[in-house]
Amino acid sequence: ITIAIIGLFGMVIYLAIQLKSKNK
């Protein structure tokens, strides 16, 4: 569960960075 949460958190951060890049 801890690994899954860390992975999910990492995915959210990655998607947020991609969205910010596309907006720029």
mmCIF file of all heavy atoms, coordinates in Angstrom:
data_MODEL
# 
_entry.id   MODEL 
# 
loop_
_atom_site.group_PDB 
_atom_site.id 
_atom_site.type_symbol 
_atom_site.label_atom_id 
_atom_site.label_alt_id 
_atom_site.label_comp_id 
_atom_site.label_asym_id 
_atom_site.label_entity_id 
_atom_site.label_seq_id 
_atom_site.pdbx_PDB_ins_code 
_atom_site.Cartn_x 
_atom_site.Cartn_y 
_atom_site.Cartn_z 
_atom_site.occupancy 
_atom_site.B_iso_or_equiv 
_atom_site.pdbx_formal_charge 
_atom_site.auth_seq_id 
_atom_site.auth_comp_id 
_atom_site.auth_asym_id 
_atom_site.auth_atom_id 
_atom_site.pdbx_PDB_model_num 
ATOM 1   N N   . ILE A 1 1  ? 0.841  -1.203 0.000   1.00 0.00 ? 1  ILE A N   1 
ATOM 2   C CA  . ILE A 1 1  ? 0.000  0.000  0.000   1.00 0.00 ? 1  ILE A CA  1 
ATOM 3   C C   . ILE A 1 1  ? 0.874  1.250  0.000   1.00 0.00 ? 1  ILE A C   1 
ATOM 4   O O   . ILE A 1 1  ? 0.612  2.207  -0.732  1.00 0.00 ? 1  ILE A O   1 
ATOM 5   C CB  . ILE A 1 1  ? -0.977 -0.011 1.201   1.00 0.00 ? 1  ILE A CB  1 
ATOM 6   C CG1 . ILE A 1 1  ? -2.027 -1.111 1.022   1.00 0.00 ? 1  ILE A CG1 1 
ATOM 7   C CG2 . ILE A 1 1  ? -1.641 1.351  1.359   1.00 0.00 ? 1  ILE A CG2 1 
ATOM 8   C CD1 . ILE A 1 1  ? -2.940 -1.310 2.199   1.00 0.00 ? 1  ILE A CD1 1 
ATOM 9   N N   . THR A 1 2  ? 1.953  1.251  0.782   1.00 0.00 ? 2  THR A N   1 
ATOM 10  C CA  . THR A 1 2  ? 2.872  2.396  0.828   1.00 0.00 ? 2  THR A CA  1 
ATOM 11  C C   . THR A 1 2  ? 3.508  2.636  -0.535  1.00 0.00 ? 2  THR A C   1 
ATOM 12  O O   . THR A 1 2  ? 3.570  3.763  -1.031  1.00 0.00 ? 2  THR A O   1 
ATOM 13  C CB  . THR A 1 2  ? 3.963  2.177  1.893   1.00 0.00 ? 2  THR A CB  1 
ATOM 14  O OG1 . THR A 1 2  ? 3.337  1.953  3.159   1.00 0.00 ? 2  THR A OG1 1 
ATOM 15  C CG2 . THR A 1 2  ? 4.893  3.377  1.980   1.00 0.00 ? 2  THR A CG2 1 
ATOM 16  N N   . ILE A 1 3  ? 3.960  1.565  -1.176  1.00 0.00 ? 3  ILE A N   1 
ATOM 17  C CA  . ILE A 1 3  ? 4.564  1.691  -2.511  1.00 0.00 ? 3  ILE A CA  1 
ATOM 18  C C   . ILE A 1 3  ? 3.530  2.201  -3.513  1.00 0.00 ? 3  ILE A C   1 
ATOM 19  O O   . ILE A 1 3  ? 3.826  3.052  -4.362  1.00 0.00 ? 3  ILE A O   1 
ATOM 20  C CB  . ILE A 1 3  ? 5.179  0.337  -2.958  1.00 0.00 ? 3  ILE A CB  1 
ATOM 21  C CG1 . ILE A 1 3  ? 6.399  0.026  -2.091  1.00 0.00 ? 3  ILE A CG1 1 
ATOM 22  C CG2 . ILE A 1 3  ? 5.557  0.362  -4.434  1.00 0.00 ? 3  ILE A CG2 1 
ATOM 23  C CD1 . ILE A 1 3  ? 6.955  -1.372 -2.289  1.00 0.00 ? 3  ILE A CD1 1 
ATOM 24  N N   . ALA A 1 4  ? 2.296  1.696  -3.429  1.00 0.00 ? 4  ALA A N   1 
ATOM 25  C CA  . ALA A 1 4  ? 1.233  2.134  -4.338  1.00 0.00 ? 4  ALA A CA  1 
ATOM 26  C C   . ALA A 1 4  ? 0.932  3.620  -4.151  1.00 0.00 ? 4  ALA A C   1 
ATOM 27  O O   . ALA A 1 4  ? 0.762  4.368  -5.118  1.00 0.00 ? 4  ALA A O   1 
ATOM 28  C CB  . ALA A 1 4  ? -0.023 1.298  -4.120  1.00 0.00 ? 4  ALA A CB  1 
ATOM 29  N N   . ILE A 1 5  ? 0.895  4.075  -2.904  1.00 0.00 ? 5  ILE A N   1 
ATOM 30  C CA  . ILE A 1 5  ? 0.626  5.495  -2.620  1.00 0.00 ? 5  ILE A CA  1 
ATOM 31  C C   . ILE A 1 5  ? 1.760  6.355  -3.143  1.00 0.00 ? 5  ILE A C   1 
ATOM 32  O O   . ILE A 1 5  ? 1.534  7.397  -3.773  1.00 0.00 ? 5  ILE A O   1 
ATOM 33  C CB  . ILE A 1 5  ? 0.401  5.717  -1.106  1.00 0.00 ? 5  ILE A CB  1 
ATOM 34  C CG1 . ILE A 1 5  ? -0.939 5.094  -0.675  1.00 0.00 ? 5  ILE A CG1 1 
ATOM 35  C CG2 . ILE A 1 5  ? 0.427  7.209  -0.768  1.00 0.00 ? 5  ILE A CG2 1 
ATOM 36  C CD1 . ILE A 1 5  ? -1.176 5.088  0.820   1.00 0.00 ? 5  ILE A CD1 1 
ATOM 37  N N   . ILE A 1 6  ? 2.999  5.933  -2.924  1.00 0.00 ? 6  ILE A N   1 
ATOM 38  C CA  . ILE A 1 6  ? 4.163  6.695  -3.414  1.00 0.00 ? 6  ILE A CA  1 
ATOM 39  C C   . ILE A 1 6  ? 4.125  6.743  -4.948  1.00 0.00 ? 6  ILE A C   1 
ATOM 40  O O   . ILE A 1 6  ? 4.359  7.787  -5.558  1.00 0.00 ? 6  ILE A O   1 
ATOM 41  C CB  . ILE A 1 6  ? 5.479  6.077  -2.898  1.00 0.00 ? 6  ILE A CB  1 
ATOM 42  C CG1 . ILE A 1 6  ? 5.605  6.307  -1.385  1.00 0.00 ? 6  ILE A CG1 1 
ATOM 43  C CG2 . ILE A 1 6  ? 6.682  6.667  -3.625  1.00 0.00 ? 6  ILE A CG2 1 
ATOM 44  C CD1 . ILE A 1 6  ? 6.748  5.562  -0.720  1.00 0.00 ? 6  ILE A CD1 1 
ATOM 45  N N   . GLY A 1 7  ? 3.814  5.598  -5.582  1.00 0.00 ? 7  GLY A N   1 
ATOM 46  C CA  . GLY A 1 7  ? 3.709  5.557  -7.051  1.00 0.00 ? 7  GLY A CA  1 
ATOM 47  C C   . GLY A 1 7  ? 2.614  6.471  -7.564  1.00 0.00 ? 7  GLY A C   1 
ATOM 48  O O   . GLY A 1 7  ? 2.791  7.195  -8.552  1.00 0.00 ? 7  GLY A O   1 
ATOM 49  N N   . LEU A 1 8  ? 1.462  6.454  -6.904  1.00 0.00 ? 8  LEU A N   1 
ATOM 50  C CA  . LEU A 1 8  ? 0.336  7.314  -7.302  1.00 0.00 ? 8  LEU A CA  1 
ATOM 51  C C   . LEU A 1 8  ? 0.704  8.781  -7.121  1.00 0.00 ? 8  LEU A C   1 
ATOM 52  O O   . LEU A 1 8  ? 0.429  9.615  -7.993  1.00 0.00 ? 8  LEU A O   1 
ATOM 53  C CB  . LEU A 1 8  ? -0.900 6.963  -6.464  1.00 0.00 ? 8  LEU A CB  1 
ATOM 54  C CG  . LEU A 1 8  ? -2.190 7.699  -6.819  1.00 0.00 ? 8  LEU A CG  1 
ATOM 55  C CD1 . LEU A 1 8  ? -2.584 7.428  -8.265  1.00 0.00 ? 8  LEU A CD1 1 
ATOM 56  C CD2 . LEU A 1 8  ? -3.315 7.270  -5.893  1.00 0.00 ? 8  LEU A CD2 1 
ATOM 57  N N   . PHE A 1 9  ? 1.350  9.108  -6.018  1.00 0.00 ? 9  PHE A N   1 
ATOM 58  C CA  . PHE A 1 9  ? 1.796  10.483 -5.771  1.00 0.00 ? 9  PHE A CA  1 
ATOM 59  C C   . PHE A 1 9  ? 2.783  10.923 -6.851  1.00 0.00 ? 9  PHE A C   1 
ATOM 60  O O   . PHE A 1 9  ? 2.722  12.031 -7.362  1.00 0.00 ? 9  PHE A O   1 
ATOM 61  C CB  . PHE A 1 9  ? 2.416  10.574 -4.369  1.00 0.00 ? 9  PHE A CB  1 
ATOM 62  C CG  . PHE A 1 9  ? 2.820  11.963 -3.983  1.00 0.00 ? 9  PHE A CG  1 
ATOM 63  C CD1 . PHE A 1 9  ? 1.867  12.944 -3.734  1.00 0.00 ? 9  PHE A CD1 1 
ATOM 64  C CD2 . PHE A 1 9  ? 4.162  12.316 -3.867  1.00 0.00 ? 9  PHE A CD2 1 
ATOM 65  C CE1 . PHE A 1 9  ? 2.245  14.223 -3.376  1.00 0.00 ? 9  PHE A CE1 1 
ATOM 66  C CE2 . PHE A 1 9  ? 4.552  13.599 -3.521  1.00 0.00 ? 9  PHE A CE2 1 
ATOM 67  C CZ  . PHE A 1 9  ? 3.589  14.557 -3.265  1.00 0.00 ? 9  PHE A CZ  1 
ATOM 68  N N   . GLY A 1 10 ? 3.722  10.029 -7.203  1.00 0.00 ? 10 GLY A N   1 
ATOM 69  C CA  . GLY A 1 10 ? 4.691  10.319 -8.268  1.00 0.00 ? 10 GLY A CA  1 
ATOM 70  C C   . GLY A 1 10 ? 3.996  10.563 -9.597  1.00 0.00 ? 10 GLY A C   1 
ATOM 71  O O   . GLY A 1 10 ? 4.365  11.472 -10.358 1.00 0.00 ? 10 GLY A O   1 
ATOM 72  N N   . MET A 1 11 ? 2.961  9.776  -9.900  1.00 0.00 ? 11 MET A N   1 
ATOM 73  C CA  . MET A 1 11 ? 2.209  9.939  -11.150 1.00 0.00 ? 11 MET A CA  1 
ATOM 74  C C   . MET A 1 11 ? 1.486  11.285 -11.168 1.00 0.00 ? 11 MET A C   1 
ATOM 75  O O   . MET A 1 11 ? 1.466  11.970 -12.199 1.00 0.00 ? 11 MET A O   1 
ATOM 76  C CB  . MET A 1 11 ? 1.203  8.795  -11.311 1.00 0.00 ? 11 MET A CB  1 
ATOM 77  C CG  . MET A 1 11 ? 0.406  8.862  -12.600 1.00 0.00 ? 11 MET A CG  1 
ATOM 78  S SD  . MET A 1 11 ? 1.406  8.781  -14.090 1.00 0.00 ? 11 MET A SD  1 
ATOM 79  C CE  . MET A 1 11 ? 1.682  7.046  -14.181 1.00 0.00 ? 11 MET A CE  1 
ATOM 80  N N   . VAL A 1 12 ? 0.901  11.688 -10.056 1.00 0.00 ? 12 VAL A N   1 
ATOM 81  C CA  . VAL A 1 12 ? 0.218  12.983 -9.961  1.00 0.00 ? 12 VAL A CA  1 
ATOM 82  C C   . VAL A 1 12 ? 1.211  14.121 -10.198 1.00 0.00 ? 12 VAL A C   1 
ATOM 83  O O   . VAL A 1 12 ? 0.927  15.063 -10.935 1.00 0.00 ? 12 VAL A O   1 
ATOM 84  C CB  . VAL A 1 12 ? -0.496 13.130 -8.595  1.00 0.00 ? 12 VAL A CB  1 
ATOM 85  C CG1 . VAL A 1 12 ? -0.961 14.560 -8.373  1.00 0.00 ? 12 VAL A CG1 1 
ATOM 86  C CG2 . VAL A 1 12 ? -1.674 12.168 -8.504  1.00 0.00 ? 12 VAL A CG2 1 
ATOM 87  N N   . ILE A 1 13 ? 2.390  14.032 -9.596  1.00 0.00 ? 13 ILE A N   1 
ATOM 88  C CA  . ILE A 1 13 ? 3.416  15.063 -9.784  1.00 0.00 ? 13 ILE A CA  1 
ATOM 89  C C   . ILE A 1 13 ? 3.838  15.108 -11.253 1.00 0.00 ? 13 ILE A C   1 
ATOM 90  O O   . ILE A 1 13 ? 3.950  16.175 -11.850 1.00 0.00 ? 13 ILE A O   1 
ATOM 91  C CB  . ILE A 1 13 ? 4.630  14.812 -8.864  1.00 0.00 ? 13 ILE A CB  1 
ATOM 92  C CG1 . ILE A 1 13 ? 4.232  15.077 -7.412  1.00 0.00 ? 13 ILE A CG1 1 
ATOM 93  C CG2 . ILE A 1 13 ? 5.807  15.693 -9.260  1.00 0.00 ? 13 ILE A CG2 1 
ATOM 94  C CD1 . ILE A 1 13 ? 5.299  14.696 -6.401  1.00 0.00 ? 13 ILE A CD1 1 
ATOM 95  N N   . TYR A 1 14 ? 4.056  13.938 -11.856 1.00 0.00 ? 14 TYR A N   1 
ATOM 96  C CA  . TYR A 1 14 ? 4.450  13.877 -13.275 1.00 0.00 ? 14 TYR A CA  1 
ATOM 97  C C   . TYR A 1 14 ? 3.388  14.526 -14.167 1.00 0.00 ? 14 TYR A C   1 
ATOM 98  O O   . TYR A 1 14 ? 3.703  15.318 -15.051 1.00 0.00 ? 14 TYR A O   1 
ATOM 99  C CB  . TYR A 1 14 ? 4.674  12.416 -13.683 1.00 0.00 ? 14 TYR A CB  1 
ATOM 100 C CG  . TYR A 1 14 ? 4.911  12.235 -15.150 1.00 0.00 ? 14 TYR A CG  1 
ATOM 101 C CD1 . TYR A 1 14 ? 6.140  12.544 -15.725 1.00 0.00 ? 14 TYR A CD1 1 
ATOM 102 C CD2 . TYR A 1 14 ? 3.897  11.766 -15.984 1.00 0.00 ? 14 TYR A CD2 1 
ATOM 103 C CE1 . TYR A 1 14 ? 6.356  12.401 -17.083 1.00 0.00 ? 14 TYR A CE1 1 
ATOM 104 C CE2 . TYR A 1 14 ? 4.101  11.622 -17.342 1.00 0.00 ? 14 TYR A CE2 1 
ATOM 105 C CZ  . TYR A 1 14 ? 5.334  11.932 -17.894 1.00 0.00 ? 14 TYR A CZ  1 
ATOM 106 O OH  . TYR A 1 14 ? 5.534  11.793 -19.228 1.00 0.00 ? 14 TYR A OH  1 
ATOM 107 N N   . LEU A 1 15 ? 2.115  14.183 -13.955 1.00 0.00 ? 15 LEU A N   1 
ATOM 108 C CA  . LEU A 1 15 ? 1.034  14.755 -14.769 1.00 0.00 ? 15 LEU A CA  1 
ATOM 109 C C   . LEU A 1 15 ? 0.913  16.268 -14.559 1.00 0.00 ? 15 LEU A C   1 
ATOM 110 O O   . LEU A 1 15 ? 0.660  17.015 -15.507 1.00 0.00 ? 15 LEU A O   1 
ATOM 111 C CB  . LEU A 1 15 ? -0.290 14.056 -14.452 1.00 0.00 ? 15 LEU A CB  1 
ATOM 112 C CG  . LEU A 1 15 ? -0.387 12.603 -14.918 1.00 0.00 ? 15 LEU A CG  1 
ATOM 113 C CD1 . LEU A 1 15 ? -1.694 11.981 -14.436 1.00 0.00 ? 15 LEU A CD1 1 
ATOM 114 C CD2 . LEU A 1 15 ? -0.260 12.498 -16.425 1.00 0.00 ? 15 LEU A CD2 1 
ATOM 115 N N   . ALA A 1 16 ? 1.126  16.729 -13.346 1.00 0.00 ? 16 ALA A N   1 
ATOM 116 C CA  . ALA A 1 16 ? 1.065  18.173 -13.071 1.00 0.00 ? 16 ALA A CA  1 
ATOM 117 C C   . ALA A 1 16 ? 2.184  18.899 -13.808 1.00 0.00 ? 16 ALA A C   1 
ATOM 118 O O   . ALA A 1 16 ? 1.975  19.973 -14.378 1.00 0.00 ? 16 ALA A O   1 
ATOM 119 C CB  . ALA A 1 16 ? 1.160  18.430 -11.572 1.00 0.00 ? 16 ALA A CB  1 
ATOM 120 N N   . ILE A 1 17 ? 3.372  18.314 -13.832 1.00 0.00 ? 17 ILE A N   1 
ATOM 121 C CA  . ILE A 1 17 ? 4.507  18.925 -14.555 1.00 0.00 ? 17 ILE A CA  1 
ATOM 122 C C   . ILE A 1 17 ? 4.206  18.954 -16.045 1.00 0.00 ? 17 ILE A C   1 
ATOM 123 O O   . ILE A 1 17 ? 4.456  19.957 -16.726 1.00 0.00 ? 17 ILE A O   1 
ATOM 124 C CB  . ILE A 1 17 ? 5.813  18.152 -14.251 1.00 0.00 ? 17 ILE A CB  1 
ATOM 125 C CG1 . ILE A 1 17 ? 6.238  18.393 -12.797 1.00 0.00 ? 17 ILE A CG1 1 
ATOM 126 C CG2 . ILE A 1 17 ? 6.928  18.569 -15.211 1.00 0.00 ? 17 ILE A CG2 1 
ATOM 127 C CD1 . ILE A 1 17 ? 7.370  17.501 -12.315 1.00 0.00 ? 17 ILE A CD1 1 
ATOM 128 N N   . GLN A 1 18 ? 3.656  17.864 -16.590 1.00 0.00 ? 18 GLN A N   1 
ATOM 129 C CA  . GLN A 1 18 ? 3.315  17.817 -18.019 1.00 0.00 ? 18 GLN A CA  1 
ATOM 130 C C   . GLN A 1 18 ? 2.263  18.870 -18.367 1.00 0.00 ? 18 GLN A C   1 
ATOM 131 O O   . GLN A 1 18 ? 2.354  19.540 -19.393 1.00 0.00 ? 18 GLN A O   1 
ATOM 132 C CB  . GLN A 1 18 ? 2.795  16.412 -18.392 1.00 0.00 ? 18 GLN A CB  1 
ATOM 133 C CG  . GLN A 1 18 ? 3.852  15.348 -18.378 1.00 0.00 ? 18 GLN A CG  1 
ATOM 134 C CD  . GLN A 1 18 ? 4.924  15.601 -19.424 1.00 0.00 ? 18 GLN A CD  1 
ATOM 135 O OE1 . GLN A 1 18 ? 4.646  15.989 -20.534 1.00 0.00 ? 18 GLN A OE1 1 
ATOM 136 N NE2 . GLN A 1 18 ? 6.177  15.412 -19.033 1.00 0.00 ? 18 GLN A NE2 1 
ATOM 137 N N   . LEU A 1 19 ? 1.242  19.025 -17.507 1.00 0.00 ? 19 LEU A N   1 
ATOM 138 C CA  . LEU A 1 19 ? 0.188  20.014 -17.746 1.00 0.00 ? 19 LEU A CA  1 
ATOM 139 C C   . LEU A 1 19 ? 0.755  21.424 -17.724 1.00 0.00 ? 19 LEU A C   1 
ATOM 140 O O   . LEU A 1 19 ? 0.440  22.252 -18.581 1.00 0.00 ? 19 LEU A O   1 
ATOM 141 C CB  . LEU A 1 19 ? -0.914 19.857 -16.688 1.00 0.00 ? 19 LEU A CB  1 
ATOM 142 C CG  . LEU A 1 19 ? -2.093 20.818 -16.808 1.00 0.00 ? 19 LEU A CG  1 
ATOM 143 C CD1 . LEU A 1 19 ? -2.817 20.609 -18.133 1.00 0.00 ? 19 LEU A CD1 1 
ATOM 144 C CD2 . LEU A 1 19 ? -3.062 20.612 -15.651 1.00 0.00 ? 19 LEU A CD2 1 
ATOM 145 N N   . LYS A 1 20 ? 1.635  21.684 -16.763 1.00 0.00 ? 20 LYS A N   1 
ATOM 146 C CA  . LYS A 1 20 ? 2.263  23.013 -16.682 1.00 0.00 ? 20 LYS A CA  1 
ATOM 147 C C   . LYS A 1 20 ? 3.092  23.290 -17.935 1.00 0.00 ? 20 LYS A C   1 
ATOM 148 O O   . LYS A 1 20 ? 3.043  24.387 -18.495 1.00 0.00 ? 20 LYS A O   1 
ATOM 149 C CB  . LYS A 1 20 ? 3.136  23.088 -15.433 1.00 0.00 ? 20 LYS A CB  1 
ATOM 150 C CG  . LYS A 1 20 ? 3.709  24.463 -15.161 1.00 0.00 ? 20 LYS A CG  1 
ATOM 151 C CD  . LYS A 1 20 ? 4.460  24.485 -13.843 1.00 0.00 ? 20 LYS A CD  1 
ATOM 152 C CE  . LYS A 1 20 ? 5.006  25.882 -13.550 1.00 0.00 ? 20 LYS A CE  1 
ATOM 153 N NZ  . LYS A 1 20 ? 5.714  25.926 -12.285 1.00 0.00 ? 20 LYS A NZ  1 
ATOM 154 N N   . SER A 1 21 ? 3.797  22.311 -18.431 1.00 0.00 ? 21 SER A N   1 
ATOM 155 C CA  . SER A 1 21 ? 4.619  22.449 -19.633 1.00 0.00 ? 21 SER A CA  1 
ATOM 156 C C   . SER A 1 21 ? 3.737  22.724 -20.857 1.00 0.00 ? 21 SER A C   1 
ATOM 157 O O   . SER A 1 21 ? 4.039  23.594 -21.670 1.00 0.00 ? 21 SER A O   1 
ATOM 158 C CB  . SER A 1 21 ? 5.444  21.175 -19.851 1.00 0.00 ? 21 SER A CB  1 
ATOM 159 O OG  . SER A 1 21 ? 6.130  21.230 -21.072 1.00 0.00 ? 21 SER A OG  1 
ATOM 160 N N   . LYS A 1 22 ? 2.642  21.997 -20.978 1.00 0.00 ? 22 LYS A N   1 
ATOM 161 C CA  . LYS A 1 22 ? 1.723  22.203 -22.115 1.00 0.00 ? 22 LYS A CA  1 
ATOM 162 C C   . LYS A 1 22 ? 1.089  23.585 -22.054 1.00 0.00 ? 22 LYS A C   1 
ATOM 163 O O   . LYS A 1 22 ? 0.914  24.244 -23.084 1.00 0.00 ? 22 LYS A O   1 
ATOM 164 C CB  . LYS A 1 22 ? 0.629  21.130 -22.134 1.00 0.00 ? 22 LYS A CB  1 
ATOM 165 C CG  . LYS A 1 22 ? 1.127  19.738 -22.392 1.00 0.00 ? 22 LYS A CG  1 
ATOM 166 C CD  . LYS A 1 22 ? 1.735  19.588 -23.764 1.00 0.00 ? 22 LYS A CD  1 
ATOM 167 C CE  . LYS A 1 22 ? 2.234  18.177 -23.985 1.00 0.00 ? 22 LYS A CE  1 
ATOM 168 N NZ  . LYS A 1 22 ? 3.040  18.032 -25.162 1.00 0.00 ? 22 LYS A NZ  1 
ATOM 169 N N   . ASN A 1 23 ? 0.731  24.046 -20.856 1.00 0.00 ? 23 ASN A N   1 
ATOM 170 C CA  . ASN A 1 23 ? 0.154  25.387 -20.717 1.00 0.00 ? 23 ASN A CA  1 
ATOM 171 C C   . ASN A 1 23 ? 1.153  26.460 -21.131 1.00 0.00 ? 23 ASN A C   1 
ATOM 172 O O   . ASN A 1 23 ? 0.794  27.451 -21.764 1.00 0.00 ? 23 ASN A O   1 
ATOM 173 C CB  . ASN A 1 23 ? -0.327 25.633 -19.289 1.00 0.00 ? 23 ASN A CB  1 
ATOM 174 C CG  . ASN A 1 23 ? -1.636 24.937 -19.004 1.00 0.00 ? 23 ASN A CG  1 
ATOM 175 O OD1 . ASN A 1 23 ? -2.363 24.579 -19.913 1.00 0.00 ? 23 ASN A OD1 1 
ATOM 176 N ND2 . ASN A 1 23 ? -1.935 24.721 -17.737 1.00 0.00 ? 23 ASN A ND2 1 
ATOM 177 N N   . LYS A 1 24 ? 2.435  26.277 -20.768 1.00 0.00 ? 24 LYS A N   1 
ATOM 178 C CA  . LYS A 1 24 ? 3.471  27.231 -21.182 1.00 0.00 ? 24 LYS A CA  1 
ATOM 179 C C   . LYS A 1 24 ? 3.618  27.240 -22.695 1.00 0.00 ? 24 LYS A C   1 
ATOM 180 O O   . LYS A 1 24 ? 3.736  28.296 -23.308 1.00 0.00 ? 24 LYS A O   1 
ATOM 181 C CB  . LYS A 1 24 ? 4.810  26.892 -20.526 1.00 0.00 ? 24 LYS A CB  1 
ATOM 182 C CG  . LYS A 1 24 ? 4.921  27.299 -19.089 1.00 0.00 ? 24 LYS A CG  1 
ATOM 183 C CD  . LYS A 1 24 ? 6.304  26.980 -18.542 1.00 0.00 ? 24 LYS A CD  1 
ATOM 184 C CE  . LYS A 1 24 ? 6.429  27.346 -17.077 1.00 0.00 ? 24 LYS A CE  1 
ATOM 185 N NZ  . LYS A 1 24 ? 7.748  27.005 -16.538 1.00 0.00 ? 24 LYS A NZ  1 
# 
